[in-house]
Amino acid sequence: MSKDKITTLDMGLIIRQKLSEQGASIAWLSKQIGCDRSNLYTQLHRNAYIDTQRLEQISITLKFNFFMYHSNYVNAHITEYGQHKEP
């Protein structure tokens, strides 16, 4: 298994797309979740990861389960690089 084949999931891009679909802005979202707008902007545009608590807040606010993207992403890599074993 070569780890350099595994790419990073850009959750910020997915969230920005969902915001656009809903006609909402990062400024609006930051107010809804009680987060500084510039910090949220940075998280959604520049960081490779989003804290799970923040992702939970965003999921609830936008009424969309962003965690399913992580689950599908991880499952795809498990299937590609090894056997998935149920607990």
C-alpha atoms as a PDB file:
ATOM      1  CA  MET A   1       0.000   0.000   0.000  1.00  0.00           C
ATOM      2  CA  SER A   2       1.425   3.348  -1.041  1.00  0.00           C
ATOM      3  CA  LYS A   3       0.280   6.202   1.168  1.00  0.00           C
ATOM      4  CA  ASP A   4       1.107   8.832  -1.447  1.00  0.00           C
ATOM      5  CA  LYS A   5      -1.816   7.575  -3.512  1.00  0.00           C
ATOM      6  CA  ILE A   6      -4.247   8.644  -0.799  1.00  0.00           C
ATOM      7  CA  THR A   7      -5.502  12.151  -1.428  1.00  0.00           C
ATOM      8  CA  THR A   8      -6.988  14.571   1.069  1.00  0.00           C
ATOM      9  CA  LEU A   9     -10.722  15.176   1.189  1.00  0.00           C
ATOM     10  CA  ASP A  10     -11.399  18.913   0.761  1.00  0.00           C
ATOM     11  CA  MET A  11     -14.294  19.291   3.195  1.00  0.00           C
ATOM     12  CA  GLY A  12     -14.062  23.081   2.977  1.00  0.00           C
ATOM     13  CA  LEU A  13     -14.876  22.934  -0.729  1.00  0.00           C
ATOM     14  CA  ILE A  14     -17.832  20.624  -0.104  1.00  0.00           C
ATOM     15  CA  ILE A  15     -19.193  22.970   2.589  1.00  0.00           C
ATOM     16  CA  ARG A  16     -18.710  26.023   0.356  1.00  0.00           C
ATOM     17  CA  GLN A  17     -20.622  24.260  -2.430  1.00  0.00           C
ATOM     18  CA  LYS A  18     -23.484  23.421  -0.040  1.00  0.00           C
ATOM     19  CA  LEU A  19     -23.544  27.033   1.188  1.00  0.00           C
ATOM     20  CA  SER A  20     -23.785  28.220  -2.408  1.00  0.00           C
ATOM     21  CA  GLU A  21     -26.615  25.762  -3.162  1.00  0.00           C
ATOM     22  CA  GLN A  22     -28.525  27.100  -0.160  1.00  0.00           C
ATOM     23  CA  GLY A  23     -27.838  30.739  -1.049  1.00  0.00           C
ATOM     24  CA  ALA A  24     -25.951  31.259   2.208  1.00  0.00           C
ATOM     25  CA  SER A  25     -22.607  32.907   2.915  1.00  0.00           C
ATOM     26  CA  ILE A  26     -19.699  32.124   5.192  1.00  0.00           C
ATOM     27  CA  ALA A  27     -20.579  35.304   7.136  1.00  0.00           C
ATOM     28  CA  TRP A  28     -24.121  33.982   7.704  1.00  0.00           C
ATOM     29  CA  LEU A  29     -22.834  30.544   8.723  1.00  0.00           C
ATOM     30  CA  SER A  30     -20.314  32.041  11.134  1.00  0.00           C
ATOM     31  CA  LYS A  31     -23.114  33.918  12.920  1.00  0.00           C
ATOM     32  CA  GLN A  32     -25.264  30.789  13.092  1.00  0.00           C
ATOM     33  CA  ILE A  33     -22.550  28.682  14.710  1.00  0.00           C
ATOM     34  CA  GLY A  34     -21.025  31.451  16.841  1.00  0.00           C
ATOM     35  CA  CYS A  35     -17.663  31.494  15.090  1.00  0.00           C
ATOM     36  CA  ASP A  36     -15.503  34.405  13.980  1.00  0.00           C
ATOM     37  CA  ARG A  37     -16.057  34.943  10.246  1.00  0.00           C
ATOM     38  CA  SER A  38     -12.375  35.217   9.382  1.00  0.00           C
ATOM     39  CA  ASN A  39     -11.567  32.031  11.317  1.00  0.00           C
ATOM     40  CA  LEU A  40     -14.331  30.134   9.530  1.00  0.00           C
ATOM     41  CA  TYR A  41     -13.215  31.549   6.173  1.00  0.00           C
ATOM     42  CA  THR A  42      -9.696  30.291   6.856  1.00  0.00           C
ATOM     43  CA  GLN A  43     -10.990  26.864   7.883  1.00  0.00           C
ATOM     44  CA  LEU A  44     -13.086  26.523   4.733  1.00  0.00           C
ATOM     45  CA  HIS A  45     -10.464  27.847   2.296  1.00  0.00           C
ATOM     46  CA  ARG A  46      -6.992  27.120   3.618  1.00  0.00           C
ATOM     47  CA  ASN A  47      -6.993  24.300   6.150  1.00  0.00           C
ATOM     48  CA  ALA A  48      -6.803  20.656   5.182  1.00  0.00           C
ATOM     49  CA  TYR A  49      -9.069  19.642   8.058  1.00  0.00           C
ATOM     50  CA  ILE A  50     -12.095  20.805  10.025  1.00  0.00           C
ATOM     51  CA  ASP A  51     -12.576  20.010  13.694  1.00  0.00           C
ATOM     52  CA  THR A  52     -15.312  17.401  14.203  1.00  0.00           C
ATOM     53  CA  GLN A  53     -17.239  19.607  16.630  1.00  0.00           C
ATOM     54  CA  ARG A  54     -17.239  22.423  14.063  1.00  0.00           C
ATOM     55  CA  LEU A  55     -18.303  19.995  11.328  1.00  0.00           C
ATOM     56  CA  GLU A  56     -21.144  18.842  13.570  1.00  0.00           C
ATOM     57  CA  GLN A  57     -22.294  22.457  14.064  1.00  0.00           C
ATOM     58  CA  ILE A  58     -22.122  23.104  10.320  1.00  0.00           C
ATOM     59  CA  SER A  59     -23.991  19.869   9.524  1.00  0.00           C
ATOM     60  CA  ILE A  60     -26.826  20.735  11.911  1.00  0.00           C
ATOM     61  CA  THR A  61     -27.041  24.350  10.724  1.00  0.00           C
ATOM     62  CA  LEU A  62     -27.086  23.430   7.026  1.00  0.00           C
ATOM     63  CA  LYS A  63     -29.233  20.341   7.663  1.00  0.00           C
ATOM     64  CA  PHE A  64     -26.786  18.182   5.755  1.00  0.00           C
ATOM     65  CA  ASN A  65     -24.649  15.298   7.041  1.00  0.00           C
ATOM     66  CA  PHE A  66     -21.110  16.195   5.995  1.00  0.00           C
ATOM     67  CA  PHE A  67     -19.812  13.227   7.982  1.00  0.00           C
ATOM     68  CA  MET A  68     -21.126  10.892   5.280  1.00  0.00           C
ATOM     69  CA  TYR A  69     -18.462  12.315   2.942  1.00  0.00           C
ATOM     70  CA  HIS A  70     -15.771  11.324   5.433  1.00  0.00           C
ATOM     71  CA  SER A  71     -17.306   7.880   5.881  1.00  0.00           C
ATOM     72  CA  ASN A  72     -17.554   7.273   2.135  1.00  0.00           C
ATOM     73  CA  TYR A  73     -14.034   8.610   1.618  1.00  0.00           C
ATOM     74  CA  VAL A  74     -12.526   6.362   4.298  1.00  0.00           C
ATOM     75  CA  ASN A  75     -14.495   3.330   3.134  1.00  0.00           C
ATOM     76  CA  ALA A  76     -13.303   3.851  -0.444  1.00  0.00           C
ATOM     77  CA  HIS A  77      -9.681   3.923   0.713  1.00  0.00           C
ATOM     78  CA  ILE A  78     -10.131   0.879   2.924  1.00  0.00           C
ATOM     79  CA  THR A  79     -11.645  -1.009   0.001  1.00  0.00           C
ATOM     80  CA  GLU A  80      -8.902   0.161  -2.356  1.00  0.00           C
ATOM     81  CA  TYR A  81      -5.949  -0.528  -0.074  1.00  0.00           C
ATOM     82  CA  GLY A  82      -7.108  -3.408   2.085  1.00  0.00           C
ATOM     83  CA  GLN A  83      -9.987  -5.386   3.396  1.00  0.00           C
ATOM     84  CA  HIS A  84     -12.632  -3.685   5.480  1.00  0.00           C
ATOM     85  CA  LYS A  85     -13.361  -5.720   8.576  1.00  0.00           C
ATOM     86  CA  GLU A  86     -16.536  -5.168  10.540  1.00  0.00           C
ATOM     87  CA  PRO A  87     -16.053  -5.018  14.333  1.00  0.00           C
END
